[in-house]
Amino acid sequence: MATKIVTVQEAEGHLLELIGLAEQGEEVVIAHNDQPKVKLVPLIQSPKKRVFGQHRGKVWMRSDFDDPLPDDFWLSGSP
């Protein structure tokens, strides 16, 4: 991925295009007086909040889930 370097004047006329490039993962740097000044990076959207109970009734466990494992499981030497 190559870095796209543009001047302030170029950025003024193509800002929406540059924002689109940054959103697609391209590195966009804006320079002033031949010196890099800023880099455009997309904001990371925060994940949605969890809704407790959303999957109630969709997951189940066997009735023996909490029962101790048999001795041969522990003594076999392999999972």
Protein backbone atom coordinates (compact mmCIF):
# COMPACT_ATOMS: atom_id res chain seq x y z
CA MET A 1 0.00 0.00 0.00
CA ALA A 2 1.59 3.24 -1.17
CA THR A 3 1.24 6.50 0.68
CA LYS A 4 -0.59 9.23 -1.23
CA ILE A 5 0.95 12.62 -0.48
CA VAL A 6 -0.95 15.74 -1.56
CA THR A 7 -0.48 19.45 -0.95
CA VAL A 8 -2.95 21.55 0.99
CA GLN A 9 -4.11 23.11 -2.27
CA GLU A 10 -4.73 19.70 -3.87
CA ALA A 11 -6.54 18.50 -0.76
CA GLU A 12 -8.91 21.48 -0.82
CA GLY A 13 -10.25 20.46 -4.22
CA HIS A 14 -10.36 16.70 -3.60
CA LEU A 15 -11.17 16.28 0.07
CA LEU A 16 -14.09 13.89 -0.39
CA GLU A 17 -11.99 11.72 -2.70
CA LEU A 18 -9.14 11.68 -0.18
CA ILE A 19 -11.51 10.75 2.65
CA GLY A 20 -12.77 7.86 0.52
CA LEU A 21 -9.22 6.63 -0.04
CA ALA A 22 -8.50 6.76 3.68
CA GLU A 23 -11.68 4.80 4.42
CA GLN A 24 -10.51 2.12 1.99
CA GLY A 25 -7.25 1.77 3.93
CA GLU A 26 -4.90 3.89 1.83
CA GLU A 27 -2.57 6.18 3.74
CA VAL A 28 -3.21 9.83 2.81
CA VAL A 29 -0.77 12.53 3.94
CA ILE A 30 -1.32 16.27 3.47
CA ALA A 31 1.85 18.33 3.12
CA HIS A 32 2.49 22.06 3.45
CA ASN A 33 5.72 23.69 2.23
CA ASP A 34 7.04 20.25 1.21
CA GLN A 35 6.69 18.98 4.78
CA PRO A 36 4.17 16.27 5.78
CA LYS A 37 1.74 17.85 8.26
CA VAL A 38 -1.27 15.56 8.76
CA LYS A 39 -2.40 12.04 7.95
CA LEU A 40 -6.02 11.15 7.19
CA VAL A 41 -7.22 8.07 9.05
CA PRO A 42 -10.77 6.72 9.31
CA LEU A 43 -12.48 6.70 12.68
CA ILE A 44 -13.16 3.24 14.04
CA GLN A 45 -16.84 2.75 14.71
CA SER A 46 -17.51 1.59 18.26
CA PRO A 47 -19.14 -1.81 18.53
CA LYS A 48 -22.82 -2.01 19.33
CA LYS A 49 -23.72 -2.46 22.96
CA ARG A 50 -24.51 -5.99 24.04
CA VAL A 51 -28.11 -6.89 24.68
CA PHE A 52 -28.35 -9.39 27.52
CA GLY A 53 -30.82 -12.20 27.00
CA GLN A 54 -30.83 -11.68 23.25
CA HIS A 55 -30.12 -15.37 22.55
CA ARG A 56 -32.10 -16.83 25.42
CA GLY A 57 -33.34 -20.31 24.58
CA LYS A 58 -30.95 -20.73 21.63
CA VAL A 59 -28.12 -22.35 23.64
CA TRP A 60 -28.47 -25.42 25.82
CA MET A 61 -26.21 -27.70 27.86
CA ARG A 62 -26.58 -31.36 28.66
CA SER A 63 -27.89 -32.18 32.10
CA ASP A 64 -24.55 -33.82 32.99
CA PHE A 65 -22.51 -30.72 32.09
CA ASP A 66 -21.29 -30.17 35.67
CA ASP A 67 -20.72 -33.85 36.47
CA PRO A 68 -17.12 -34.87 37.21
CA LEU A 69 -15.19 -36.34 34.30
CA PRO A 70 -14.37 -40.05 34.48
CA ASP A 71 -10.93 -41.14 35.73
CA ASP A 72 -9.95 -42.59 32.34
CA PHE A 73 -10.27 -39.08 30.87
CA TRP A 74 -7.65 -37.75 33.30
CA LEU A 75 -5.37 -40.79 33.14
CA SER A 76 -5.34 -41.39 29.37
CA GLY A 77 -2.54 -38.89 28.72
CA SER A 78 -4.29 -37.33 25.67
CA PRO A 79 -7.31 -35.09 25.29
